[in-house]
């Protein structure tokens, strides 16, 4: 049983940060100073739990008027392939709709582009490097 929860407590926020540290810092080698940033203070964070253990995370914030920016989406390696990425993205998109965003943008690691394309995102940029990892900007309109 998996549950996606919007962060409302400092403990839940630390759970999100814990997953992000494991995936981005330990697994992918992103410096901690880049992974945890000043935008964490104003973003809305989400955590995926199984049996009260955090196994996934993501955040969303307002980028420009009417545009939500999804960032830091990750699932622990041992839980990948269980449709949890889709689960957390649905929660982030639902939250974006609730906040009144018309569009979501994100910078996808290039290897993850097929995942995002399957859920309706389209590439809008050439490949670029971020934290020494190739990325492409993608977007999805969520209101018509």
Protein backbone atom coordinates (compact mmCIF):
# COMPACT_ATOMS: atom_id res chain seq x y z
CA UNK A 1 0.00 0.00 0.00
CA UNK A 2 1.41 3.37 -1.07
CA UNK A 3 0.24 6.79 0.02
CA UNK A 4 1.19 10.22 -1.36
CA UNK A 5 0.93 12.99 1.21
CA UNK A 6 1.41 16.74 1.01
CA UNK A 7 3.93 17.82 3.63
CA UNK A 8 2.35 19.57 6.60
CA UNK A 9 4.88 18.89 9.39
CA UNK A 10 8.61 19.33 9.87
CA UNK A 11 8.94 15.53 10.21
CA UNK A 12 7.31 14.99 6.82
CA UNK A 13 9.56 17.64 5.27
CA UNK A 14 12.60 15.84 6.67
CA UNK A 15 11.22 12.60 5.20
CA UNK A 16 11.12 14.27 1.76
CA UNK A 17 14.66 15.59 2.21
CA UNK A 18 15.86 12.15 3.33
CA UNK A 19 14.61 10.52 0.12
CA UNK A 20 16.10 13.32 -1.97
CA UNK A 21 19.49 12.95 -0.28
CA UNK A 22 19.50 9.20 -0.92
CA UNK A 23 18.57 9.53 -4.60
CA UNK A 24 20.20 12.75 -5.76
CA UNK A 25 23.19 13.12 -3.43
CA UNK A 26 24.18 9.52 -2.63
CA UNK A 27 23.05 7.75 -5.82
CA UNK A 28 23.58 10.46 -8.46
CA UNK A 29 26.40 12.47 -6.87
CA UNK A 30 24.62 15.85 -6.81
CA UNK A 31 26.26 18.14 -4.23
CA UNK A 32 24.05 18.59 -1.15
CA UNK A 33 24.42 22.36 -1.53
CA UNK A 34 22.65 22.14 -4.91
CA UNK A 35 20.07 19.55 -3.90
CA UNK A 36 18.67 21.34 -0.85
CA UNK A 37 18.18 24.99 -1.75
CA UNK A 38 16.41 28.18 -0.75
CA UNK A 39 13.37 27.24 -2.86
CA UNK A 40 12.60 24.46 -0.39
CA UNK A 41 11.28 27.11 1.98
CA UNK A 42 8.44 28.20 -0.29
CA UNK A 43 7.72 25.07 -2.36
CA UNK A 44 4.94 22.62 -1.57
CA UNK A 45 6.47 19.20 -0.87
CA UNK A 46 5.01 15.73 -1.31
CA UNK A 47 6.17 12.39 0.11
CA UNK A 48 5.30 8.84 -0.94
CA UNK A 49 5.02 6.48 2.02
CA UNK A 50 4.70 2.74 2.42
CA UNK A 51 4.02 1.51 5.93
CA UNK A 52 5.07 4.94 7.29
CA UNK A 53 8.45 4.72 5.52
CA UNK A 54 9.26 7.53 3.05
CA UNK A 55 10.16 6.12 -0.37
CA UNK A 56 9.51 8.98 -2.80
CA UNK A 57 9.40 12.76 -2.92
CA UNK A 58 8.73 15.77 -5.11
CA UNK A 59 8.04 19.47 -4.86
CA UNK A 60 6.08 22.09 -6.77
CA UNK A 61 6.28 25.86 -6.67
CA UNK A 62 5.00 28.79 -8.67
CA UNK A 63 7.53 29.61 -11.37
CA UNK A 64 5.74 32.36 -13.29
CA UNK A 65 2.19 33.60 -13.03
CA UNK A 66 -0.02 30.60 -13.70
CA UNK A 67 2.86 28.17 -14.15
CA UNK A 68 3.81 25.45 -11.69
CA UNK A 69 7.39 24.19 -11.60
CA UNK A 70 7.77 20.53 -10.58
CA UNK A 71 11.16 19.64 -9.17
CA UNK A 72 13.05 16.99 -7.21
CA UNK A 73 10.79 14.08 -8.17
CA UNK A 74 12.42 10.85 -7.03
CA UNK A 75 11.71 7.30 -5.89
CA UNK A 76 14.13 5.10 -3.93
CA UNK A 77 15.79 2.54 -6.25
CA UNK A 78 14.21 -0.52 -4.67
CA UNK A 79 10.70 0.90 -5.28
CA UNK A 80 11.10 1.93 -8.93
CA UNK A 81 9.00 0.20 -11.55
CA UNK A 82 5.91 0.13 -9.31
CA UNK A 83 4.14 3.13 -10.91
CA UNK A 84 5.06 5.37 -7.99
CA UNK A 85 6.45 8.07 -10.28
CA UNK A 86 3.06 8.28 -11.93
CA UNK A 87 1.39 8.33 -8.50
CA UNK A 88 3.43 11.27 -7.23
CA UNK A 89 3.13 13.16 -10.52
CA UNK A 90 -0.66 12.81 -10.34
CA UNK A 91 -0.60 14.28 -6.82
CA UNK A 92 1.61 17.16 -8.01
CA UNK A 93 -0.66 17.81 -11.00
CA UNK A 94 -3.78 17.70 -8.83
CA UNK A 95 -2.15 20.21 -6.48
CA UNK A 96 -1.22 22.42 -9.44
CA UNK A 97 -4.85 22.40 -10.55
CA UNK A 98 -5.94 23.26 -7.00
CA UNK A 99 -3.47 26.18 -6.98
CA UNK A 100 -4.88 27.42 -10.29
CA UNK A 101 -1.80 26.78 -12.42
CA UNK A 102 -2.50 26.52 -16.14
CA UNK A 103 0.70 24.73 -17.03
CA UNK A 104 3.45 22.68 -15.39
CA UNK A 105 7.09 22.87 -16.42
CA UNK A 106 9.90 20.64 -15.26
CA UNK A 107 13.52 19.90 -16.08
CA UNK A 108 13.65 16.16 -16.68
CA UNK A 109 16.83 14.16 -16.48
CA UNK A 110 17.24 12.96 -20.06
CA UNK A 111 16.94 9.26 -19.18
CA UNK A 112 13.48 9.99 -17.67
CA UNK A 113 12.03 11.71 -20.75
CA UNK A 114 10.07 8.62 -21.91
CA UNK A 115 8.34 8.45 -18.51
CA UNK A 116 7.24 12.08 -18.69
CA UNK A 117 6.16 11.75 -22.34
CA UNK A 118 3.90 8.83 -21.38
CA UNK A 119 2.05 11.07 -18.91
CA UNK A 120 1.60 13.93 -21.37
CA UNK A 121 4.67 16.15 -21.10
CA UNK A 122 6.37 17.52 -24.22
CA UNK A 123 10.00 18.57 -24.66
CA UNK A 124 10.50 22.32 -25.02
CA UNK A 125 14.29 22.74 -24.89
CA UNK A 126 17.52 21.34 -26.21
CA UNK A 127 19.52 19.18 -23.80
CA UNK A 128 21.44 21.07 -21.11
CA UNK A 129 23.55 20.14 -18.12
CA UNK A 130 22.40 20.66 -14.55
CA UNK A 131 24.57 19.32 -11.70
CA UNK A 132 26.57 17.49 -14.41
CA UNK A 133 23.46 15.54 -15.46
CA UNK A 134 21.82 15.98 -18.90
CA UNK A 135 18.31 17.46 -18.74
CA UNK A 136 15.59 18.79 -21.04
CA UNK A 137 12.78 21.15 -20.15
CA UNK A 138 9.30 19.69 -20.57
CA UNK A 139 5.82 21.09 -20.06
CA UNK A 140 2.19 20.07 -19.85
CA UNK A 141 -0.94 22.20 -20.02
CA UNK A 142 -3.25 21.17 -17.19
CA UNK A 143 -6.20 23.50 -17.79
CA UNK A 144 -7.91 24.26 -21.04
